Amino acid sequence: MLPALRLVRALVLVAATSIALVACTSSAGGSGAVTVNSASSSLGTFLTGANGKTLYTHAGDSKNTSTCTGSCLTAWPPLTVSSGQQPTAGTGVTGQLGTFSGSGGNLWVTYNGLPLYYWQGDAKAGDTTGQGVSGFTVALVAGAASGSSSTPAASAASSGRSY
């Protein structure tokens, strides 16, 4: 019976390790192949990532450079792809998608050179609760008409919210 008990323990350990590994590699930022889509609201036509979740840009960022670190990255996880992958533009997405090597060695997805982020406060597809929080705004589709308060400076100044 002892060898059978060892086998059962080994199988349980392998199963638990597999579950933990899947949990650790699944993040709000995503991985693997990524398709960036678009959605519309009173803010205008904006970019969405996994499950239709809104994507944001930060006013302090510049081309292929993020100013979001530490607790900022907890609140605003970046959209990422696995090594060797490139993001794909879905229906309605104009502008240039790209990647750069961000913190942690991950490939961060960019839109017209700016890093894209999710907001921890958005619970479902189409939520835009991060609009204006700490200099973040919804990532508007290039050339799309925008609604009111869609610029990073105006939104950040008007809301006074922070993460």
Protein backbone atom coordinates (compact mmCIF):
# COMPACT_ATOMS: atom_id res chain seq x y z
CA MET A 1 0.00 0.00 0.00
CA LEU A 2 2.87 2.37 0.61
CA PRO A 3 3.77 2.72 -3.11
CA ALA A 4 0.11 3.40 -3.94
CA LEU A 5 -0.06 6.12 -1.27
CA ARG A 6 3.09 7.73 -2.68
CA LEU A 7 1.58 7.67 -6.17
CA VAL A 8 -1.62 9.35 -4.93
CA ARG A 9 0.40 12.02 -3.09
CA ALA A 10 2.51 12.62 -6.19
CA LEU A 11 -0.59 13.00 -8.37
CA VAL A 12 -2.16 15.42 -5.89
CA LEU A 13 1.06 17.44 -5.81
CA VAL A 14 1.23 17.57 -9.62
CA ALA A 15 -2.43 18.65 -9.83
CA ALA A 16 -1.97 21.37 -7.19
CA THR A 17 1.18 22.64 -8.88
CA SER A 18 -0.59 22.76 -12.24
CA ILE A 19 -3.49 24.75 -10.80
CA ALA A 20 -1.10 27.18 -9.10
CA LEU A 21 0.89 27.62 -12.30
CA VAL A 22 -2.24 28.42 -14.30
CA ALA A 23 -3.37 30.89 -11.64
CA CYS A 24 0.02 32.64 -11.62
CA THR A 25 0.20 32.99 -15.39
CA SER A 26 -3.36 34.29 -15.76
CA SER A 27 -3.45 38.01 -15.09
CA ALA A 28 -5.54 41.00 -15.94
CA GLY A 29 -2.73 42.09 -18.24
CA GLY A 30 -3.18 39.01 -20.39
CA SER A 31 -0.64 36.91 -22.20
CA GLY A 32 -0.28 34.93 -25.40
CA ALA A 33 -1.97 36.31 -28.50
CA VAL A 34 -3.93 39.52 -27.89
CA THR A 35 -6.59 41.17 -30.01
CA VAL A 36 -7.36 44.82 -29.31
CA ASN A 37 -10.94 45.76 -30.19
CA SER A 38 -13.05 48.89 -29.85
CA ALA A 39 -16.24 49.96 -28.09
CA SER A 40 -18.18 53.21 -27.88
CA SER A 41 -19.64 55.29 -25.08
CA SER A 42 -20.29 58.95 -24.34
CA LEU A 43 -16.48 59.29 -24.10
CA GLY A 44 -16.08 58.26 -27.76
CA THR A 45 -14.75 55.14 -29.46
CA PHE A 46 -12.09 53.53 -27.29
CA LEU A 47 -9.87 50.44 -27.18
CA THR A 48 -10.78 47.25 -25.36
CA GLY A 49 -8.79 44.16 -24.45
CA ALA A 50 -9.71 40.78 -22.98
CA ASN A 51 -13.44 40.25 -22.41
CA GLY A 52 -14.21 43.75 -23.69
CA LYS A 53 -12.46 45.45 -20.76
CA THR A 54 -11.53 49.09 -21.37
CA LEU A 55 -7.91 50.00 -22.08
CA TYR A 56 -6.36 53.23 -20.81
CA THR A 57 -3.31 55.42 -21.45
CA HIS A 58 -1.45 57.57 -18.93
CA ALA A 59 -0.67 61.27 -19.40
CA GLY A 60 2.83 60.86 -17.94
CA ASP A 61 3.90 58.17 -20.40
CA SER A 62 5.80 58.73 -23.62
CA LYS A 63 6.63 56.55 -26.61
CA ASN A 64 7.52 53.03 -25.37
CA THR A 65 8.02 54.34 -21.84
CA SER A 66 5.83 53.88 -18.76
CA THR A 67 5.91 56.06 -15.66
CA CYS A 68 3.61 53.62 -13.83
CA THR A 69 5.53 51.57 -11.22
CA GLY A 70 4.89 49.85 -7.88
CA SER A 71 1.34 50.31 -6.58
CA CYS A 72 0.42 52.03 -9.82
CA LEU A 73 0.99 48.75 -11.68
CA THR A 74 -1.19 46.94 -9.15
CA ALA A 75 -4.04 49.35 -9.84
CA TRP A 76 -3.26 49.65 -13.55
CA PRO A 77 -1.94 46.31 -14.91
CA PRO A 78 -0.47 46.70 -18.40
CA LEU A 79 -1.76 44.82 -21.40
CA THR A 80 0.98 42.33 -22.24
CA VAL A 81 1.74 39.62 -24.79
CA SER A 82 3.96 36.59 -24.58
CA SER A 83 7.45 36.70 -26.05
CA GLY A 84 7.30 36.34 -29.82
CA GLN A 85 3.64 37.45 -29.98
CA GLN A 86 2.28 40.65 -31.49
CA PRO A 87 -1.07 42.30 -30.75
CA THR A 88 -3.71 42.22 -33.46
CA ALA A 89 -6.07 45.07 -34.34
CA GLY A 90 -9.72 44.05 -34.25
CA THR A 91 -12.67 45.69 -35.97
CA GLY A 92 -12.68 49.47 -35.74
CA VAL A 93 -9.13 49.79 -34.46
CA THR A 94 -7.02 52.26 -36.43
CA GLY A 95 -3.59 53.45 -35.42
CA GLN A 96 -0.46 51.43 -34.72
CA LEU A 97 -0.23 48.58 -32.22
CA GLY A 98 3.23 47.59 -31.04
CA THR A 99 5.19 46.26 -28.09
CA PHE A 100 8.15 47.19 -25.92
CA SER A 101 10.00 45.47 -23.11
CA GLY A 102 8.42 46.78 -19.91
CA SER A 103 9.16 46.12 -16.26
CA GLY A 104 9.57 42.49 -15.29
CA GLY A 105 10.77 41.65 -18.80
CA ASN A 106 7.20 41.46 -20.12
CA LEU A 107 6.24 42.69 -23.56
CA TRP A 108 3.84 45.58 -23.03
CA VAL A 109 1.34 46.45 -25.75
CA THR A 110 1.31 50.01 -27.08
CA TYR A 111 -1.11 52.04 -29.16
CA ASN A 112 0.58 54.71 -31.27
CA GLY A 113 3.59 54.18 -29.01
CA LEU A 114 1.81 54.64 -25.66
CA PRO A 115 1.51 51.75 -23.17
CA LEU A 116 -2.00 50.36 -22.63
CA TYR A 117 -3.40 49.53 -19.19
CA TYR A 118 -6.46 47.97 -17.57
CA TRP A 119 -8.02 49.57 -14.46
CA GLN A 120 -8.65 47.38 -11.43
CA GLY A 121 -11.92 49.21 -10.77
CA ASP A 122 -13.57 48.14 -14.04
CA ALA A 123 -15.72 45.09 -13.27
CA LYS A 124 -17.19 44.34 -16.69
CA ALA A 125 -16.94 45.04 -20.39
CA GLY A 126 -17.62 48.68 -21.21
CA ASP A 127 -16.89 50.03 -17.71
CA THR A 128 -14.86 53.25 -17.87
CA THR A 129 -14.52 53.97 -14.15
CA GLY A 130 -10.80 54.70 -14.55
CA GLN A 131 -11.47 57.73 -16.73
CA GLY A 132 -9.67 60.68 -15.15
CA VAL A 133 -8.10 58.73 -12.29
CA SER A 134 -4.49 59.82 -11.63
CA GLY A 135 -3.87 61.03 -15.18
CA PHE A 136 -5.32 57.94 -16.90
CA THR A 137 -7.89 58.21 -19.70
CA VAL A 138 -9.63 55.74 -21.94
CA ALA A 139 -7.48 54.97 -24.98
CA LEU A 140 -9.46 56.62 -27.75
CA VAL A 141 -9.29 55.17 -31.25
CA ALA A 142 -7.20 57.41 -33.51
CA GLY A 143 -9.38 59.65 -35.64
CA ALA A 144 -12.57 58.83 -33.71
CA ALA A 145 -14.73 61.63 -32.39
CA SER A 146 -14.37 62.01 -28.65
CA GLY A 147 -16.89 62.92 -26.00
CA SER A 148 -16.34 65.46 -23.26
CA SER A 149 -13.36 65.33 -20.88
CA SER A 150 -11.45 62.81 -22.95
CA THR A 151 -8.04 64.41 -22.72
CA PRO A 152 -5.72 63.23 -19.94
CA ALA A 153 -5.10 66.69 -18.49
CA ALA A 154 -8.74 67.73 -18.45
CA SER A 155 -9.96 64.44 -17.02
CA ALA A 156 -7.31 64.19 -14.32
CA ALA A 157 -7.83 67.75 -13.22
CA SER A 158 -11.61 67.53 -13.20
CA SER A 159 -12.04 64.31 -11.23
CA GLY A 160 -9.54 64.69 -8.42
CA ARG A 161 -9.68 60.91 -7.94
CA SER A 162 -6.63 58.75 -7.50
CA TYR A 163 -5.87 55.10 -7.07
